[in-house]
All heavy atoms as atom14 arrays in JSON, in Angstrom:
{
  "sequence": "NIRIYGGVDGHHVTGVNHKENNPMTGDIDVDDYNNLIVNADF",
  "atom14_mask": [
    [1, 1, 1, 1, 1, 1, 1, 1, 0, 0, 0, 0, 0, 0],
    [1, 1, 1, 1, 1, 1, 1, 1, 0, 0, 0, 0, 0, 0],
    [1, 1, 1, 1, 1, 1, 1, 1, 1, 1, 1, 0, 0, 0],
    [1, 1, 1, 1, 1, 1, 1, 1, 0, 0, 0, 0, 0, 0],
    [1, 1, 1, 1, 1, 1, 1, 1, 1, 1, 1, 1, 0, 0],
    [1, 1, 1, 1, 0, 0, 0, 0, 0, 0, 0, 0, 0, 0],
    [1, 1, 1, 1, 0, 0, 0, 0, 0, 0, 0, 0, 0, 0],
    [1, 1, 1, 1, 1, 1, 1, 0, 0, 0, 0, 0, 0, 0],
    [1, 1, 1, 1, 1, 1, 1, 1, 0, 0, 0, 0, 0, 0],
    [1, 1, 1, 1, 0, 0, 0, 0, 0, 0, 0, 0, 0, 0],
    [1, 1, 1, 1, 1, 1, 1, 1, 1, 1, 0, 0, 0, 0],
    [1, 1, 1, 1, 1, 1, 1, 1, 1, 1, 0, 0, 0, 0],
    [1, 1, 1, 1, 1, 1, 1, 0, 0, 0, 0, 0, 0, 0],
    [1, 1, 1, 1, 1, 1, 1, 0, 0, 0, 0, 0, 0, 0],
    [1, 1, 1, 1, 0, 0, 0, 0, 0, 0, 0, 0, 0, 0],
    [1, 1, 1, 1, 1, 1, 1, 0, 0, 0, 0, 0, 0, 0],
    [1, 1, 1, 1, 1, 1, 1, 1, 0, 0, 0, 0, 0, 0],
    [1, 1, 1, 1, 1, 1, 1, 1, 1, 1, 0, 0, 0, 0],
    [1, 1, 1, 1, 1, 1, 1, 1, 1, 0, 0, 0, 0, 0],
    [1, 1, 1, 1, 1, 1, 1, 1, 1, 0, 0, 0, 0, 0],
    [1, 1, 1, 1, 1, 1, 1, 1, 0, 0, 0, 0, 0, 0],
    [1, 1, 1, 1, 1, 1, 1, 1, 0, 0, 0, 0, 0, 0],
    [1, 1, 1, 1, 1, 1, 1, 0, 0, 0, 0, 0, 0, 0],
    [1, 1, 1, 1, 1, 1, 1, 1, 0, 0, 0, 0, 0, 0],
    [1, 1, 1, 1, 1, 1, 1, 0, 0, 0, 0, 0, 0, 0],
    [1, 1, 1, 1, 0, 0, 0, 0, 0, 0, 0, 0, 0, 0],
    [1, 1, 1, 1, 1, 1, 1, 1, 0, 0, 0, 0, 0, 0],
    [1, 1, 1, 1, 1, 1, 1, 1, 0, 0, 0, 0, 0, 0],
    [1, 1, 1, 1, 1, 1, 1, 1, 0, 0, 0, 0, 0, 0],
    [1, 1, 1, 1, 1, 1, 1, 0, 0, 0, 0, 0, 0, 0],
    [1, 1, 1, 1, 1, 1, 1, 1, 0, 0, 0, 0, 0, 0],
    [1, 1, 1, 1, 1, 1, 1, 1, 0, 0, 0, 0, 0, 0],
    [1, 1, 1, 1, 1, 1, 1, 1, 1, 1, 1, 1, 0, 0],
    [1, 1, 1, 1, 1, 1, 1, 1, 0, 0, 0, 0, 0, 0],
    [1, 1, 1, 1, 1, 1, 1, 1, 0, 0, 0, 0, 0, 0],
    [1, 1, 1, 1, 1, 1, 1, 1, 0, 0, 0, 0, 0, 0],
    [1, 1, 1, 1, 1, 1, 1, 1, 0, 0, 0, 0, 0, 0],
    [1, 1, 1, 1, 1, 1, 1, 0, 0, 0, 0, 0, 0, 0],
    [1, 1, 1, 1, 1, 1, 1, 1, 0, 0, 0, 0, 0, 0],
    [1, 1, 1, 1, 1, 0, 0, 0, 0, 0, 0, 0, 0, 0],
    [1, 1, 1, 1, 1, 1, 1, 1, 0, 0, 0, 0, 0, 0],
    [1, 1, 1, 1, 1, 1, 1, 1, 1, 1, 1, 0, 0, 0]
  ],
  "atom14_positions": [
    [[57.94, 56.89, -5.02], [58.16, 56.12, -6.24], [56.83, 55.68, -6.82], [55.79, 55.69, -6.14], [59.04, 54.9, -5.98], [60.05, 54.69, -7.08], [59.73, 54.85, -8.27], [61.29, 54.35, -6.71], [0.0, 0.0, 0.0], [0.0, 0.0, 0.0], [0.0, 0.0, 0.0], [0.0, 0.0, 0.0], [0.0, 0.0, 0.0], [0.0, 0.0, 0.0]],
    [[56.88, 55.29, -8.08], [55.72, 54.75, -8.79], [56.11, 53.4, -9.35], [57.18, 53.27, -9.97], [55.25, 55.69, -9.92], [54.82, 57.04, -9.35], [54.09, 55.05, -10.7], [54.47, 58.07, -10.4], [0.0, 0.0, 0.0], [0.0, 0.0, 0.0], [0.0, 0.0, 0.0], [0.0, 0.0, 0.0], [0.0, 0.0, 0.0], [0.0, 0.0, 0.0]],
    [[55.27, 52.39, -9.12], [55.54, 51.03, -9.58], [54.5, 50.59, -10.6], [53.31, 50.84, -10.44], [55.51, 50.04, -8.41], [56.6, 50.23, -7.38], [56.39, 49.33, -6.17], [55.27, 49.79, -5.35], [54.12, 49.17, -5.23], [53.89, 48.03, -5.9], [53.17, 49.65, -4.44], [0.0, 0.0, 0.0], [0.0, 0.0, 0.0], [0.0, 0.0, 0.0]],
    [[54.96, 49.9, -11.63], [54.09, 49.23, -12.58], [54.42, 47.75, -12.53], [55.6, 47.37, -12.55], [54.29, 49.76, -14.02], [54.0, 51.27, -14.07], [53.4, 49.02, -15.0], [54.36, 51.91, -15.39], [0.0, 0.0, 0.0], [0.0, 0.0, 0.0], [0.0, 0.0, 0.0], [0.0, 0.0, 0.0], [0.0, 0.0, 0.0], [0.0, 0.0, 0.0]],
    [[53.41, 46.89, -12.42], [53.7, 45.47, -12.22], [52.7, 44.58, -12.94], [51.6, 44.99, -13.32], [53.72, 45.13, -10.73], [52.43, 45.41, -10.0], [51.4, 44.48, -10.01], [52.24, 46.6, -9.31], [50.2, 44.73, -9.35], [51.04, 46.86, -8.64], [50.04, 45.92, -8.65], [48.85, 46.16, -8.01], [0.0, 0.0, 0.0], [0.0, 0.0, 0.0]],
    [[53.09, 43.34, -13.1], [52.23, 42.28, -13.62], [52.66, 40.97, -13.01], [53.76, 40.85, -12.46], [0.0, 0.0, 0.0], [0.0, 0.0, 0.0], [0.0, 0.0, 0.0], [0.0, 0.0, 0.0], [0.0, 0.0, 0.0], [0.0, 0.0, 0.0], [0.0, 0.0, 0.0], [0.0, 0.0, 0.0], [0.0, 0.0, 0.0], [0.0, 0.0, 0.0]],
    [[51.79, 39.97, -13.09], [52.14, 38.69, -12.51], [50.99, 37.71, -12.55], [50.04, 37.86, -13.34], [0.0, 0.0, 0.0], [0.0, 0.0, 0.0], [0.0, 0.0, 0.0], [0.0, 0.0, 0.0], [0.0, 0.0, 0.0], [0.0, 0.0, 0.0], [0.0, 0.0, 0.0], [0.0, 0.0, 0.0], [0.0, 0.0, 0.0], [0.0, 0.0, 0.0]],
    [[51.06, 36.71, -11.69], [50.02, 35.7, -11.59], [49.66, 35.5, -10.12], [50.45, 35.8, -9.23], [50.47, 34.34, -12.2], [50.66, 34.46, -13.69], [51.75, 33.85, -11.53], [0.0, 0.0, 0.0], [0.0, 0.0, 0.0], [0.0, 0.0, 0.0], [0.0, 0.0, 0.0], [0.0, 0.0, 0.0], [0.0, 0.0, 0.0], [0.0, 0.0, 0.0]],
    [[48.45, 35.02, -9.9], [47.96, 34.78, -8.55], [47.17, 33.47, -8.56], [46.23, 33.32, -9.34], [47.06, 35.94, -8.11], [46.88, 35.99, -6.6], [47.28, 35.03, -5.93], [46.33, 37.0, -6.1], [0.0, 0.0, 0.0], [0.0, 0.0, 0.0], [0.0, 0.0, 0.0], [0.0, 0.0, 0.0], [0.0, 0.0, 0.0], [0.0, 0.0, 0.0]],
    [[47.58, 32.53, -7.72], [46.89, 31.25, -7.62], [46.07, 31.18, -6.34], [46.63, 31.3, -5.24], [0.0, 0.0, 0.0], [0.0, 0.0, 0.0], [0.0, 0.0, 0.0], [0.0, 0.0, 0.0], [0.0, 0.0, 0.0], [0.0, 0.0, 0.0], [0.0, 0.0, 0.0], [0.0, 0.0, 0.0], [0.0, 0.0, 0.0], [0.0, 0.0, 0.0]],
    [[44.76, 31.0, -6.46], [43.85, 31.0, -5.31], [43.38, 29.58, -4.98], [43.13, 28.78, -5.88], [42.61, 31.85, -5.61], [42.91, 33.25, -6.05], [43.02, 34.31, -5.19], [43.1, 33.77, -7.3], [43.27, 35.41, -5.85], [43.32, 35.11, -7.14], [0.0, 0.0, 0.0], [0.0, 0.0, 0.0], [0.0, 0.0, 0.0], [0.0, 0.0, 0.0]],
    [[43.21, 29.34, -3.69], [42.63, 28.08, -3.23], [41.48, 28.42, -2.27], [41.67, 29.16, -1.3], [43.67, 27.23, -2.51], [43.11, 25.99, -1.89], [42.66, 24.92, -2.65], [42.9, 25.64, -0.6], [42.21, 23.97, -1.86], [42.34, 24.38, -0.61], [0.0, 0.0, 0.0], [0.0, 0.0, 0.0], [0.0, 0.0, 0.0], [0.0, 0.0, 0.0]],
    [[40.28, 27.89, -2.56], [39.1, 28.18, -1.75], [39.16, 27.38, -0.46], [39.28, 26.15, -0.47], [37.81, 27.85, -2.53], [36.58, 28.1, -1.65], [37.72, 28.68, -3.81], [0.0, 0.0, 0.0], [0.0, 0.0, 0.0], [0.0, 0.0, 0.0], [0.0, 0.0, 0.0], [0.0, 0.0, 0.0], [0.0, 0.0, 0.0], [0.0, 0.0, 0.0]],
    [[39.07, 28.08, 0.68], [39.12, 27.42, 1.99], [37.78, 27.4, 2.7], [37.6, 26.65, 3.65], [40.14, 28.12, 2.89], [39.77, 29.51, 3.06], [41.54, 28.06, 2.28], [0.0, 0.0, 0.0], [0.0, 0.0, 0.0], [0.0, 0.0, 0.0], [0.0, 0.0, 0.0], [0.0, 0.0, 0.0], [0.0, 0.0, 0.0], [0.0, 0.0, 0.0]],
    [[36.84, 28.24, 2.26], [35.54, 28.28, 2.93], [34.48, 28.93, 2.05], [34.79, 29.76, 1.2], [0.0, 0.0, 0.0], [0.0, 0.0, 0.0], [0.0, 0.0, 0.0], [0.0, 0.0, 0.0], [0.0, 0.0, 0.0], [0.0, 0.0, 0.0], [0.0, 0.0, 0.0], [0.0, 0.0, 0.0], [0.0, 0.0, 0.0], [0.0, 0.0, 0.0]],
    [[33.21, 28.53, 2.27], [32.09, 29.06, 1.5], [30.97, 29.43, 2.47], [30.56, 28.61, 3.31], [31.56, 28.03, 0.48], [30.36, 28.61, -0.26], [32.65, 27.62, -0.49], [0.0, 0.0, 0.0], [0.0, 0.0, 0.0], [0.0, 0.0, 0.0], [0.0, 0.0, 0.0], [0.0, 0.0, 0.0], [0.0, 0.0, 0.0], [0.0, 0.0, 0.0]],
    [[30.49, 30.67, 2.37], [29.31, 31.11, 3.12], [28.19, 31.32, 2.12], [28.24, 32.24, 1.29], [29.63, 32.4, 3.88], [28.46, 32.87, 4.73], [27.46, 32.16, 4.88], [28.56, 34.07, 5.27], [0.0, 0.0, 0.0], [0.0, 0.0, 0.0], [0.0, 0.0, 0.0], [0.0, 0.0, 0.0], [0.0, 0.0, 0.0], [0.0, 0.0, 0.0]],
    [[27.16, 30.47, 2.18], [26.09, 30.48, 1.18], [24.77, 30.83, 1.84], [24.29, 30.12, 2.72], [26.0, 29.09, 0.52], [24.89, 28.97, -0.49], [24.22, 27.8, -0.71], [24.34, 29.89, -1.32], [23.3, 27.99, -1.64], [23.36, 29.25, -2.02], [0.0, 0.0, 0.0], [0.0, 0.0, 0.0], [0.0, 0.0, 0.0], [0.0, 0.0, 0.0]],
    [[24.19, 31.96, 1.4], [22.86, 32.36, 1.85], [21.94, 32.35, 0.64], [22.26, 32.97, -0.37], [22.89, 33.75, 2.47], [23.78, 33.86, 3.7], [23.81, 35.28, 4.23], [24.73, 35.4, 5.44], [24.8, 36.78, 5.94], [0.0, 0.0, 0.0], [0.0, 0.0, 0.0], [0.0, 0.0, 0.0], [0.0, 0.0, 0.0], [0.0, 0.0, 0.0]],
    [[20.81, 31.65, 0.73], [19.97, 31.49, -0.46], [18.5, 31.41, -0.1], [18.12, 31.05, 1.0], [20.39, 30.25, -1.24], [20.47, 28.95, -0.43], [19.16, 28.23, -0.27], [18.26, 28.48, -1.1], [19.02, 27.44, 0.67], [0.0, 0.0, 0.0], [0.0, 0.0, 0.0], [0.0, 0.0, 0.0], [0.0, 0.0, 0.0], [0.0, 0.0, 0.0]],
    [[17.68, 31.8, -1.1], [16.24, 31.53, -1.02], [15.78, 30.79, -2.27], [14.64, 30.84, -2.64], [15.44, 32.81, -0.81], [15.45, 33.71, -2.05], [16.17, 33.47, -3.01], [14.63, 34.77, -2.02], [0.0, 0.0, 0.0], [0.0, 0.0, 0.0], [0.0, 0.0, 0.0], [0.0, 0.0, 0.0], [0.0, 0.0, 0.0], [0.0, 0.0, 0.0]],
    [[16.77, 30.15, -2.93], [16.49, 29.36, -4.13], [16.55, 27.88, -3.76], [17.63, 27.32, -3.57], [17.51, 29.67, -5.22], [17.26, 28.89, -6.5], [16.35, 28.07, -6.58], [18.08, 29.13, -7.5], [0.0, 0.0, 0.0], [0.0, 0.0, 0.0], [0.0, 0.0, 0.0], [0.0, 0.0, 0.0], [0.0, 0.0, 0.0], [0.0, 0.0, 0.0]],
    [[15.41, 27.21, -3.61], [15.41, 25.82, -3.17], [16.05, 24.87, -4.16], [16.37, 23.73, -3.81], [13.92, 25.51, -2.99], [13.23, 26.45, -3.93], [14.05, 27.71, -3.9], [0.0, 0.0, 0.0], [0.0, 0.0, 0.0], [0.0, 0.0, 0.0], [0.0, 0.0, 0.0], [0.0, 0.0, 0.0], [0.0, 0.0, 0.0], [0.0, 0.0, 0.0]],
    [[16.27, 25.29, -5.4], [16.85, 24.42, -6.41], [18.37, 24.4, -6.37], [19.01, 23.56, -6.99], [16.39, 24.86, -7.81], [14.88, 24.9, -8.0], [14.12, 23.28, -7.74], [14.82, 22.38, -9.13], [0.0, 0.0, 0.0], [0.0, 0.0, 0.0], [0.0, 0.0, 0.0], [0.0, 0.0, 0.0], [0.0, 0.0, 0.0], [0.0, 0.0, 0.0]],
    [[18.96, 25.32, -5.65], [20.42, 25.42, -5.64], [21.06, 24.31, -4.82], [22.04, 23.69, -5.23], [20.86, 26.79, -5.1], [20.3, 27.81, -5.91], [22.38, 26.91, -5.12], [0.0, 0.0, 0.0], [0.0, 0.0, 0.0], [0.0, 0.0, 0.0], [0.0, 0.0, 0.0], [0.0, 0.0, 0.0], [0.0, 0.0, 0.0], [0.0, 0.0, 0.0]],
    [[20.55, 24.07, -3.63], [21.19, 23.11, -2.74], [22.41, 23.73, -2.07], [22.73, 24.9, -2.27], [0.0, 0.0, 0.0], [0.0, 0.0, 0.0], [0.0, 0.0, 0.0], [0.0, 0.0, 0.0], [0.0, 0.0, 0.0], [0.0, 0.0, 0.0], [0.0, 0.0, 0.0], [0.0, 0.0, 0.0], [0.0, 0.0, 0.0], [0.0, 0.0, 0.0]],
    [[23.07, 22.93, -1.25], [24.25, 23.42, -0.55], [25.41, 23.65, -1.52], [25.61, 22.89, -2.48], [24.68, 22.43, 0.53], [23.68, 22.36, 1.67], [22.98, 23.37, 1.89], [23.61, 21.31, 2.33], [0.0, 0.0, 0.0], [0.0, 0.0, 0.0], [0.0, 0.0, 0.0], [0.0, 0.0, 0.0], [0.0, 0.0, 0.0], [0.0, 0.0, 0.0]],
    [[26.18, 24.71, -1.26], [27.4, 25.0, -2.01], [28.56, 24.93, -1.04], [28.52, 25.56, 0.03], [27.33, 26.39, -2.68], [26.19, 26.44, -3.69], [28.65, 26.73, -3.36], [26.01, 27.81, -4.33], [0.0, 0.0, 0.0], [0.0, 0.0, 0.0], [0.0, 0.0, 0.0], [0.0, 0.0, 0.0], [0.0, 0.0, 0.0], [0.0, 0.0, 0.0]],
    [[29.6, 24.17, -1.37], [30.76, 24.06, -0.49], [32.04, 24.11, -1.32], [32.01, 24.32, -2.54], [30.71, 22.79, 0.37], [30.59, 21.51, -0.46], [31.12, 21.48, -1.58], [29.98, 20.55, 0.03], [0.0, 0.0, 0.0], [0.0, 0.0, 0.0], [0.0, 0.0, 0.0], [0.0, 0.0, 0.0], [0.0, 0.0, 0.0], [0.0, 0.0, 0.0]],
    [[33.19, 23.91, -0.67], [34.48, 24.07, -1.34], [34.67, 23.07, -2.47], [35.44, 23.33, -3.42], [35.64, 23.96, -0.32], [35.59, 25.1, 0.67], [35.61, 22.61, 0.4], [0.0, 0.0, 0.0], [0.0, 0.0, 0.0], [0.0, 0.0, 0.0], [0.0, 0.0, 0.0], [0.0, 0.0, 0.0], [0.0, 0.0, 0.0], [0.0, 0.0, 0.0]],
    [[33.99, 21.92, -2.4], [34.13, 20.92, -3.46], [33.52, 21.37, -4.78], [33.8, 20.77, -5.83], [33.49, 19.59, -3.02], [34.23, 18.95, -1.86], [35.45, 19.17, -1.75], [33.59, 18.25, -1.06], [0.0, 0.0, 0.0], [0.0, 0.0, 0.0], [0.0, 0.0, 0.0], [0.0, 0.0, 0.0], [0.0, 0.0, 0.0], [0.0, 0.0, 0.0]],
    [[32.69, 22.41, -4.76], [32.09, 22.93, -5.99], [33.05, 23.84, -6.77], [32.72, 24.28, -7.87], [30.82, 23.71, -5.66], [29.72, 22.8, -5.13], [29.38, 21.81, -5.8], [29.22, 23.07, -4.01], [0.0, 0.0, 0.0], [0.0, 0.0, 0.0], [0.0, 0.0, 0.0], [0.0, 0.0, 0.0], [0.0, 0.0, 0.0], [0.0, 0.0, 0.0]],
    [[34.23, 24.11, -6.2], [35.18, 25.02, -6.82], [36.48, 24.3, -7.17], [36.85, 23.31, -6.51], [35.47, 26.2, -5.89], [34.24, 27.03, -5.62], [33.38, 26.71, -4.58], [33.92, 28.11, -6.43], [32.23, 27.45, -4.35], [32.77, 28.87, -6.21], [31.93, 28.53, -5.17], [30.79, 29.26, -4.95], [0.0, 0.0, 0.0], [0.0, 0.0, 0.0]],
    [[37.15, 24.78, -8.19], [38.43, 24.2, -8.58], [39.44, 24.34, -7.46], [39.44, 25.33, -6.71], [38.97, 24.86, -9.85], [38.39, 24.23, -11.11], [38.16, 23.03, -11.16], [38.14, 25.04, -12.12], [0.0, 0.0, 0.0], [0.0, 0.0, 0.0], [0.0, 0.0, 0.0], [0.0, 0.0, 0.0], [0.0, 0.0, 0.0], [0.0, 0.0, 0.0]],
    [[40.34, 23.37, -7.37], [41.35, 23.36, -6.33], [42.31, 24.53, -6.48], [42.83, 25.06, -5.48], [42.12, 22.04, -6.36], [43.03, 21.88, -5.17], [42.61, 22.03, -4.03], [44.29, 21.58, -5.43], [0.0, 0.0, 0.0], [0.0, 0.0, 0.0], [0.0, 0.0, 0.0], [0.0, 0.0, 0.0], [0.0, 0.0, 0.0], [0.0, 0.0, 0.0]],
    [[42.57, 24.94, -7.72], [43.46, 26.06, -7.99], [42.81, 26.97, -9.02], [42.51, 26.54, -10.14], [44.82, 25.58, -8.5], [45.85, 26.67, -8.82], [46.21, 27.44, -7.55], [47.09, 26.07, -9.47], [0.0, 0.0, 0.0], [0.0, 0.0, 0.0], [0.0, 0.0, 0.0], [0.0, 0.0, 0.0], [0.0, 0.0, 0.0], [0.0, 0.0, 0.0]],
    [[42.57, 28.22, -8.65], [41.98, 29.23, -9.53], [43.06, 30.25, -9.84], [43.56, 30.93, -8.94], [40.77, 29.9, -8.87], [39.71, 28.84, -8.49], [40.16, 30.93, -9.8], [38.61, 29.38, -7.6], [0.0, 0.0, 0.0], [0.0, 0.0, 0.0], [0.0, 0.0, 0.0], [0.0, 0.0, 0.0], [0.0, 0.0, 0.0], [0.0, 0.0, 0.0]],
    [[43.43, 30.36, -11.11], [44.57, 31.19, -11.51], [44.09, 32.46, -12.19], [43.2, 32.42, -13.05], [45.51, 30.42, -12.45], [46.7, 31.28, -12.86], [45.99, 29.13, -11.78], [0.0, 0.0, 0.0], [0.0, 0.0, 0.0], [0.0, 0.0, 0.0], [0.0, 0.0, 0.0], [0.0, 0.0, 0.0], [0.0, 0.0, 0.0], [0.0, 0.0, 0.0]],
    [[44.69, 33.58, -11.81], [44.4, 34.88, -12.41], [45.7, 35.57, -12.82], [46.72, 35.43, -12.14], [43.67, 35.8, -11.42], [42.25, 35.37, -11.15], [42.03, 34.29, -10.6], [41.3, 36.18, -11.5], [0.0, 0.0, 0.0], [0.0, 0.0, 0.0], [0.0, 0.0, 0.0], [0.0, 0.0, 0.0], [0.0, 0.0, 0.0], [0.0, 0.0, 0.0]],
    [[45.64, 36.31, -13.92], [46.71, 37.25, -14.24], [46.47, 38.53, -13.46], [45.32, 38.91, -13.21], [46.74, 37.52, -15.74], [0.0, 0.0, 0.0], [0.0, 0.0, 0.0], [0.0, 0.0, 0.0], [0.0, 0.0, 0.0], [0.0, 0.0, 0.0], [0.0, 0.0, 0.0], [0.0, 0.0, 0.0], [0.0, 0.0, 0.0], [0.0, 0.0, 0.0]],
    [[47.55, 39.21, -13.08], [47.45, 40.36, -12.19], [48.22, 41.54, -12.79], [49.4, 41.41, -13.13], [48.04, 39.98, -10.83], [47.86, 41.07, -9.78], [47.12, 42.03, -10.04], [48.46, 40.93, -8.7], [0.0, 0.0, 0.0], [0.0, 0.0, 0.0], [0.0, 0.0, 0.0], [0.0, 0.0, 0.0], [0.0, 0.0, 0.0], [0.0, 0.0, 0.0]],
    [[47.56, 42.69, -12.94], [48.2, 43.9, -13.48], [47.84, 45.08, -12.59], [46.7, 45.17, -12.11], [47.71, 44.2, -14.9], [47.77, 43.02, -15.84], [46.66, 42.21, -16.02], [48.94, 42.71, -16.51], [46.7, 41.12, -16.88], [49.0, 41.62, -17.36], [47.88, 40.83, -17.54], [0.0, 0.0, 0.0], [0.0, 0.0, 0.0], [0.0, 0.0, 0.0]]
  ]
}
């Protein structure tokens, strides 16, 4: 069979792995991201 679909996807950030050589950035953690990130899906 062949399927065609669309929908929505709600993401929640649970962890951040940050590797940097930019001293101006500082630490990046889950609090820097929205609690719910929504995308349309096709």
